[in-house]
Every structure is written in structure tokens, then in C-alpha cells.
């Protein structure tokens, strides 16, 4: 499925499959949470594990958040996904979106 997403006032068209591919391509690179904490992540199958925790985040959680984009912060998704700070940080990074 392809979505039009409003990012910084600009509308872009991107599929979740493309976003997930970019997430996989950026495994091991440095990301920052909204509060400025550095983290990297590893992916095994469709499970992403941030370096700051052993908490597994599923591809399905990223899809749930992606479907709600744009998201102003992790608080908007904390009741629907696991690891909202990490998911928000990854989905809002310019390398991903």
C-alpha cells in the first residue's frame, strides 16, 4: 500500500515496504530519540531490537505507526505500539522518510 504523508509541510508518496527496506538498510547506524538519546538497532527477520534495550519491536508495530503518519511525538502512539520512542525516532528520521 502507498501513502501520501505530510512531512515538514511537504507531501510525499511512499509505501510501507519501501520504509521497511530503508529501516533494514540503516541497521547499525546511529539514531536519536526525541529526547536526544543515541541508539542503534539490529534486525532479525521482522523483529527490530534497539541497542538501549532488549525489547523486541515487530515490523507490525512500525506499520501501525506508519499508518498514522505524521506523528508529532511518541506520546501519540504509546498506547498502540511497543517502544514508541524508538519507532517514532526511526520513522521520523530523514534516512527513512
Protein backbone atom coordinates (compact mmCIF):
# COMPACT_ATOMS: atom_id res chain seq x y z
CA UNK A 1 0.00 0.00 0.00
CA UNK A 2 1.22 3.51 -0.82
CA UNK A 3 0.57 6.53 1.38
CA UNK A 4 0.80 10.26 0.93
CA UNK A 5 2.48 11.57 4.06
CA UNK A 6 2.84 15.19 5.10
CA UNK A 7 6.40 15.76 6.36
CA UNK A 8 7.56 19.26 7.24
CA UNK A 9 4.84 20.81 5.12
CA UNK A 10 5.66 18.68 2.08
CA UNK A 11 3.57 15.78 0.85
CA UNK A 12 5.50 12.66 -0.15
CA UNK A 13 4.28 9.35 -1.52
CA UNK A 14 5.95 6.27 -0.07
CA UNK A 15 4.97 2.68 0.59
CA UNK A 16 5.45 0.92 3.88
CA UNK A 17 7.51 -1.73 2.07
CA UNK A 18 9.94 0.99 0.97
CA UNK A 19 10.08 2.36 4.53
CA UNK A 20 10.78 -1.11 5.95
CA UNK A 21 13.53 -1.64 3.35
CA UNK A 22 15.13 1.66 4.41
CA UNK A 23 14.88 0.63 8.06
CA UNK A 24 16.69 -2.61 7.22
CA UNK A 25 19.34 -0.75 5.20
CA UNK A 26 20.09 1.54 8.15
CA UNK A 27 20.62 -1.26 10.68
CA UNK A 28 23.63 -0.43 12.87
CA UNK A 29 23.57 3.31 12.15
CA UNK A 30 23.09 5.90 14.88
CA UNK A 31 19.60 7.30 15.57
CA UNK A 32 18.33 9.67 18.27
CA UNK A 33 15.15 9.57 20.31
CA UNK A 34 13.09 12.73 20.64
CA UNK A 35 14.84 13.34 23.98
CA UNK A 36 18.27 13.05 22.33
CA UNK A 37 19.31 9.56 23.42
CA UNK A 38 21.56 7.80 20.91
CA UNK A 39 20.74 4.26 19.81
CA UNK A 40 21.37 1.79 17.03
CA UNK A 41 19.37 -1.34 16.25
CA UNK A 42 19.63 -4.85 14.90
CA UNK A 43 17.04 -6.64 12.83
CA UNK A 44 16.40 -10.38 12.84
CA UNK A 45 13.62 -11.44 10.47
CA UNK A 46 10.87 -8.89 11.15
CA UNK A 47 12.00 -8.01 14.69
CA UNK A 48 13.99 -4.87 15.46
CA UNK A 49 15.90 -4.64 18.76
CA UNK A 50 17.23 -1.22 19.86
CA UNK A 51 20.69 -1.08 21.43
CA UNK A 52 19.40 0.64 24.57
CA UNK A 53 17.11 -2.28 25.44
CA UNK A 54 16.46 -5.91 24.60
CA UNK A 55 12.83 -5.05 23.89
CA UNK A 56 11.79 -6.59 20.54
CA UNK A 57 9.81 -4.32 18.22
CA UNK A 58 7.89 -6.03 15.44
CA UNK A 59 7.51 -4.87 11.88
CA UNK A 60 3.77 -4.75 12.58
CA UNK A 61 4.32 -2.04 15.22
CA UNK A 62 6.14 0.09 12.66
CA UNK A 63 3.26 -0.46 10.22
CA UNK A 64 0.70 0.67 12.82
CA UNK A 65 2.65 3.87 13.45
CA UNK A 66 3.34 4.44 9.75
CA UNK A 67 -0.40 4.30 9.05
CA UNK A 68 -0.86 7.27 11.43
CA UNK A 69 1.89 9.48 9.99
CA UNK A 70 2.58 12.31 10.52
CA UNK A 71 3.07 11.80 14.25
CA UNK A 72 4.24 14.74 16.37
CA UNK A 73 5.85 12.60 19.04
CA UNK A 74 5.98 9.15 20.63
CA UNK A 75 3.19 10.05 23.04
CA UNK A 76 0.73 9.85 20.15
CA UNK A 77 1.48 6.15 19.63
CA UNK A 78 2.38 4.93 23.13
CA UNK A 79 -0.89 3.04 23.55
CA UNK A 80 -0.82 1.26 20.19
CA UNK A 81 2.81 0.15 19.71
CA UNK A 82 5.67 -1.23 21.75
CA UNK A 83 8.73 1.03 22.04
CA UNK A 84 7.10 4.23 20.80
CA UNK A 85 10.21 6.38 21.37
CA UNK A 86 12.29 4.15 19.08
CA UNK A 87 9.60 3.70 16.47
CA UNK A 88 8.92 7.43 16.34
CA UNK A 89 12.64 8.24 16.08
CA UNK A 90 13.18 5.79 13.23
CA UNK A 91 10.07 6.72 11.26
CA UNK A 92 10.84 10.44 11.57
CA UNK A 93 14.48 10.17 10.51
CA UNK A 94 15.32 11.68 7.11
CA UNK A 95 17.08 8.46 6.05
CA UNK A 96 13.81 6.57 6.43
CA UNK A 97 11.16 9.08 5.34
